[in-house]
Amino acid sequence: MKQVTLYTDGACSGNPGVGGWGAVLMYKDFEKRISGAEEATTNNRMELFAVISGLECLKEPCEVTVYSDSAYTVNAFNNGWIYGWEKDGWKKADNKQVLNTDLWQRLLALTRTHSVKFVKVKGHADNEYNNICDKLATDAIKNFQSA
């Protein structure tokens, strides 16, 4: 199985507001950068969408290590919350609806196609690829707003 590294980040100008996401996929010496923006969204949705978009670029099942500064995204998998939410009909422990269920369902399906490991990185620090993803996301917001 091919081993892929995926760095992701999401950003929002206002929360909710115009949001952007960025991702960098790496396989051997190949690197692909992708990004996009949405008009009325949240930072958490953009964080999730960045991971989804990166995984959707893969044409066959791969082993993927996802690096994200989003505790929201990483902890949902590493702490097993997402599996409980799914089992409980997308309700949290307090019986409230899980936010962003549409994106969690898409992401969960992708983690069943690919072997995915999530790693939390410190945001806005010295991680080169996290900073690249942040710039991709914020540039996508700027381009969207000026269009």
C-alpha atoms as a PDB file:
ATOM      1  CA  MET A   1       0.000   0.000   0.000  1.00  0.00           C
ATOM      2  CA  LYS A   2       1.327   3.440  -0.920  1.00  0.00           C
ATOM      3  CA  GLN A   3       2.355   5.649   1.995  1.00  0.00           C
ATOM      4  CA  VAL A   4       1.111   9.228   1.726  1.00  0.00           C
ATOM      5  CA  THR A   5       1.679  12.206   3.998  1.00  0.00           C
ATOM      6  CA  LEU A   6      -1.131  14.750   4.172  1.00  0.00           C
ATOM      7  CA  TYR A   7      -0.824  18.142   5.855  1.00  0.00           C
ATOM      8  CA  THR A   8      -4.022  20.157   6.256  1.00  0.00           C
ATOM      9  CA  ASP A   9      -5.309  23.425   7.682  1.00  0.00           C
ATOM     10  CA  GLY A  10      -8.499  25.438   7.737  1.00  0.00           C
ATOM     11  CA  ALA A  11      -9.124  29.106   8.399  1.00  0.00           C
ATOM     12  CA  CYS A  12     -12.053  31.460   8.697  1.00  0.00           C
ATOM     13  CA  SER A  13     -12.440  35.227   8.364  1.00  0.00           C
ATOM     14  CA  GLY A  14     -15.126  35.609  10.987  1.00  0.00           C
ATOM     15  CA  ASN A  15     -16.496  32.453  12.568  1.00  0.00           C
ATOM     16  CA  PRO A  16     -18.856  31.942  10.831  1.00  0.00           C
ATOM     17  CA  GLY A  17     -17.652  33.793   7.782  1.00  0.00           C
ATOM     18  CA  VAL A  18     -15.662  33.234   4.612  1.00  0.00           C
ATOM     19  CA  GLY A  19     -13.548  30.152   5.145  1.00  0.00           C
ATOM     20  CA  GLY A  20     -10.599  28.597   3.399  1.00  0.00           C
ATOM     21  CA  TRP A  21      -8.740  25.343   3.517  1.00  0.00           C
ATOM     22  CA  GLY A  22      -5.402  24.093   2.292  1.00  0.00           C
ATOM     23  CA  ALA A  23      -3.743  20.716   1.980  1.00  0.00           C
ATOM     24  CA  VAL A  24      -0.416  19.316   0.847  1.00  0.00           C
ATOM     25  CA  LEU A  25      -0.189  15.681  -0.243  1.00  0.00           C
ATOM     26  CA  MET A  26       3.220  14.018  -0.449  1.00  0.00           C
ATOM     27  CA  TYR A  27       4.093  10.669  -1.979  1.00  0.00           C
ATOM     28  CA  LYS A  28       7.769   9.859  -2.545  1.00  0.00           C
ATOM     29  CA  ASP A  29       9.148  12.928  -4.385  1.00  0.00           C
ATOM     30  CA  PHE A  30       5.704  14.072  -5.548  1.00  0.00           C
ATOM     31  CA  GLU A  31       3.920  16.973  -3.849  1.00  0.00           C
ATOM     32  CA  LYS A  32       0.437  18.287  -4.610  1.00  0.00           C
ATOM     33  CA  ARG A  33      -1.023  21.470  -3.099  1.00  0.00           C
ATOM     34  CA  ILE A  34      -4.760  22.097  -3.106  1.00  0.00           C
ATOM     35  CA  SER A  35      -7.010  24.745  -1.565  1.00  0.00           C
ATOM     36  CA  GLY A  36     -10.452  26.275  -1.705  1.00  0.00           C
ATOM     37  CA  ALA A  37     -12.901  28.592   0.013  1.00  0.00           C
ATOM     38  CA  GLU A  38     -16.561  28.813   0.992  1.00  0.00           C
ATOM     39  CA  GLU A  39     -18.746  31.819   1.657  1.00  0.00           C
ATOM     40  CA  ALA A  40     -20.525  31.112   4.946  1.00  0.00           C
ATOM     41  CA  THR A  41     -18.775  28.503   7.051  1.00  0.00           C
ATOM     42  CA  THR A  42     -16.787  27.890  10.237  1.00  0.00           C
ATOM     43  CA  ASN A  43     -13.182  27.176  11.056  1.00  0.00           C
ATOM     44  CA  ASN A  44     -14.037  23.624  12.163  1.00  0.00           C
ATOM     45  CA  ARG A  45     -15.809  22.881   8.879  1.00  0.00           C
ATOM     46  CA  MET A  46     -12.779  24.104   6.947  1.00  0.00           C
ATOM     47  CA  GLU A  47     -10.432  21.952   9.066  1.00  0.00           C
ATOM     48  CA  LEU A  48     -12.541  18.879   8.268  1.00  0.00           C
ATOM     49  CA  PHE A  49     -12.958  19.815   4.617  1.00  0.00           C
ATOM     50  CA  ALA A  50      -9.187  20.116   4.181  1.00  0.00           C
ATOM     51  CA  VAL A  51      -8.684  16.506   5.315  1.00  0.00           C
ATOM     52  CA  ILE A  52     -11.601  15.263   3.207  1.00  0.00           C
ATOM     53  CA  SER A  53     -10.312  17.071   0.111  1.00  0.00           C
ATOM     54  CA  GLY A  54      -6.834  15.640   0.537  1.00  0.00           C
ATOM     55  CA  LEU A  55      -8.080  12.085   0.987  1.00  0.00           C
ATOM     56  CA  GLU A  56     -10.463  12.439  -1.970  1.00  0.00           C
ATOM     57  CA  CYS A  57      -7.465  13.147  -4.220  1.00  0.00           C
ATOM     58  CA  LEU A  58      -6.168   9.605  -3.711  1.00  0.00           C
ATOM     59  CA  LYS A  59      -6.995   7.241  -6.552  1.00  0.00           C
ATOM     60  CA  GLU A  60      -6.477   3.981  -4.623  1.00  0.00           C
ATOM     61  CA  PRO A  61      -6.416   2.865  -0.978  1.00  0.00           C
ATOM     62  CA  CYS A  62      -3.313   4.237   0.762  1.00  0.00           C
ATOM     63  CA  GLU A  63      -1.692   4.420   4.174  1.00  0.00           C
ATOM     64  CA  VAL A  64      -2.045   8.087   5.074  1.00  0.00           C
ATOM     65  CA  THR A  65      -0.562  10.056   7.928  1.00  0.00           C
ATOM     66  CA  VAL A  66      -2.595  13.244   8.401  1.00  0.00           C
ATOM     67  CA  TYR A  67      -0.896  16.147  10.151  1.00  0.00           C
ATOM     68  CA  SER A  68      -3.335  18.781  11.427  1.00  0.00           C
ATOM     69  CA  ASP A  69      -3.310  21.559  14.004  1.00  0.00           C
ATOM     70  CA  SER A  70      -7.024  20.938  14.604  1.00  0.00           C
ATOM     71  CA  ALA A  71      -7.569  19.244  17.966  1.00  0.00           C
ATOM     72  CA  TYR A  72     -11.245  19.033  16.925  1.00  0.00           C
ATOM     73  CA  THR A  73     -10.358  16.761  14.002  1.00  0.00           C
ATOM     74  CA  VAL A  74      -7.453  14.797  15.464  1.00  0.00           C
ATOM     75  CA  ASN A  75      -9.031  14.093  18.855  1.00  0.00           C
ATOM     76  CA  ALA A  76     -12.292  12.864  17.318  1.00  0.00           C
ATOM     77  CA  PHE A  77     -10.341   9.943  15.833  1.00  0.00           C
ATOM     78  CA  ASN A  78      -7.488   9.473  18.293  1.00  0.00           C
ATOM     79  CA  ASN A  79      -9.846   9.525  21.292  1.00  0.00           C
ATOM     80  CA  GLY A  80     -12.476   7.428  19.487  1.00  0.00           C
ATOM     81  CA  TRP A  81     -15.253  10.006  19.831  1.00  0.00           C
ATOM     82  CA  ILE A  82     -16.344   9.648  16.211  1.00  0.00           C
ATOM     83  CA  TYR A  83     -17.109   5.934  16.616  1.00  0.00           C
ATOM     84  CA  GLY A  84     -19.319   6.661  19.626  1.00  0.00           C
ATOM     85  CA  TRP A  85     -21.089   9.449  17.747  1.00  0.00           C
ATOM     86  CA  GLU A  86     -21.778   7.103  14.844  1.00  0.00           C
ATOM     87  CA  LYS A  87     -23.021   4.347  17.165  1.00  0.00           C
ATOM     88  CA  ASP A  88     -25.284   6.823  18.993  1.00  0.00           C
ATOM     89  CA  GLY A  89     -26.872   8.238  15.825  1.00  0.00           C
ATOM     90  CA  TRP A  90     -24.543  11.262  15.686  1.00  0.00           C
ATOM     91  CA  LYS A  91     -25.472  12.426  19.170  1.00  0.00           C
ATOM     92  CA  LYS A  92     -22.918  13.530  21.769  1.00  0.00           C
ATOM     93  CA  ALA A  93     -22.837  12.350  25.387  1.00  0.00           C
ATOM     94  CA  ASP A  94     -25.154  15.255  26.319  1.00  0.00           C
ATOM     95  CA  ASN A  95     -27.633  13.925  23.703  1.00  0.00           C
ATOM     96  CA  LYS A  96     -27.129  17.010  21.489  1.00  0.00           C
ATOM     97  CA  GLN A  97     -26.596  16.592  17.761  1.00  0.00           C
ATOM     98  CA  VAL A  98     -22.953  16.420  16.654  1.00  0.00           C
ATOM     99  CA  LEU A  99     -22.117  19.520  14.622  1.00  0.00           C
ATOM    100  CA  ASN A 100     -20.863  19.036  11.047  1.00  0.00           C
ATOM    101  CA  THR A 101     -22.298  15.514  10.825  1.00  0.00           C
ATOM    102  CA  ASP A 102     -22.265  15.665   7.015  1.00  0.00           C
ATOM    103  CA  LEU A 103     -18.495  16.188   6.982  1.00  0.00           C
ATOM    104  CA  TRP A 104     -17.772  13.702   9.786  1.00  0.00           C
ATOM    105  CA  GLN A 105     -19.672  11.027   7.817  1.00  0.00           C
ATOM    106  CA  ARG A 106     -17.683  11.759   4.645  1.00  0.00           C
ATOM    107  CA  LEU A 107     -14.407  11.719   6.544  1.00  0.00           C
ATOM    108  CA  LEU A 108     -15.268   8.518   8.410  1.00  0.00           C
ATOM    109  CA  ALA A 109     -16.070   6.782   5.098  1.00  0.00           C
ATOM    110  CA  LEU A 110     -12.691   7.873   3.709  1.00  0.00           C
ATOM    111  CA  THR A 111     -10.897   6.468   6.768  1.00  0.00           C
ATOM    112  CA  ARG A 112     -12.509   3.142   5.942  1.00  0.00           C
ATOM    113  CA  THR A 113     -11.128   3.246   2.393  1.00  0.00           C
ATOM    114  CA  HIS A 114      -7.657   4.333   3.473  1.00  0.00           C
ATOM    115  CA  SER A 115      -5.581   3.411   6.502  1.00  0.00           C
ATOM    116  CA  VAL A 116      -5.395   6.807   8.222  1.00  0.00           C
ATOM    117  CA  LYS A 117      -3.348   7.914  11.217  1.00  0.00           C
ATOM    118  CA  PHE A 118      -3.927  11.388  12.685  1.00  0.00           C
ATOM    119  CA  VAL A 119      -1.100  13.439  14.202  1.00  0.00           C
ATOM    120  CA  LYS A 120      -1.653  16.758  16.014  1.00  0.00           C
ATOM    121  CA  VAL A 121       0.866  19.484  15.197  1.00  0.00           C
ATOM    122  CA  LYS A 122       1.232  22.873  16.816  1.00  0.00           C
ATOM    123  CA  GLY A 123      -0.356  25.568  14.660  1.00  0.00           C
ATOM    124  CA  HIS A 124       1.378  28.801  13.677  1.00  0.00           C
ATOM    125  CA  ALA A 125       4.716  27.436  14.862  1.00  0.00           C
ATOM    126  CA  ASP A 126       7.794  26.179  13.033  1.00  0.00           C
ATOM    127  CA  ASN A 127       6.186  23.314  11.104  1.00  0.00           C
ATOM    128  CA  GLU A 128       6.946  24.176   7.471  1.00  0.00           C
ATOM    129  CA  TYR A 129       4.062  22.257   5.912  1.00  0.00           C
ATOM    130  CA  ASN A 130       1.502  23.400   8.470  1.00  0.00           C
ATOM    131  CA  ASN A 131       2.527  26.956   7.641  1.00  0.00           C
ATOM    132  CA  ILE A 132       2.212  26.253   3.905  1.00  0.00           C
ATOM    133  CA  CYS A 133      -1.318  24.895   4.472  1.00  0.00           C
ATOM    134  CA  ASP A 134      -2.211  27.927   6.569  1.00  0.00           C
ATOM    135  CA  LYS A 135      -1.060  30.208   3.741  1.00  0.00           C
ATOM    136  CA  LEU A 136      -3.017  28.167   1.172  1.00  0.00           C
ATOM    137  CA  ALA A 137      -6.152  28.527   3.334  1.00  0.00           C
ATOM    138  CA  THR A 138      -5.763  32.247   4.044  1.00  0.00           C
ATOM    139  CA  ASP A 139      -4.884  32.983   0.393  1.00  0.00           C
ATOM    140  CA  ALA A 140      -8.038  31.087  -0.682  1.00  0.00           C
ATOM    141  CA  ILE A 141     -10.082  33.373   1.602  1.00  0.00           C
ATOM    142  CA  LYS A 142      -8.428  36.503   0.156  1.00  0.00           C
ATOM    143  CA  ASN A 143      -8.980  35.309  -3.428  1.00  0.00           C
ATOM    144  CA  PHE A 144     -12.616  34.464  -2.679  1.00  0.00           C
ATOM    145  CA  GLN A 145     -13.261  37.855  -1.081  1.00  0.00           C
ATOM    146  CA  SER A 146     -11.687  39.772  -3.967  1.00  0.00           C
ATOM    147  CA  ALA A 147     -13.458  37.796  -6.689  1.00  0.00           C
END
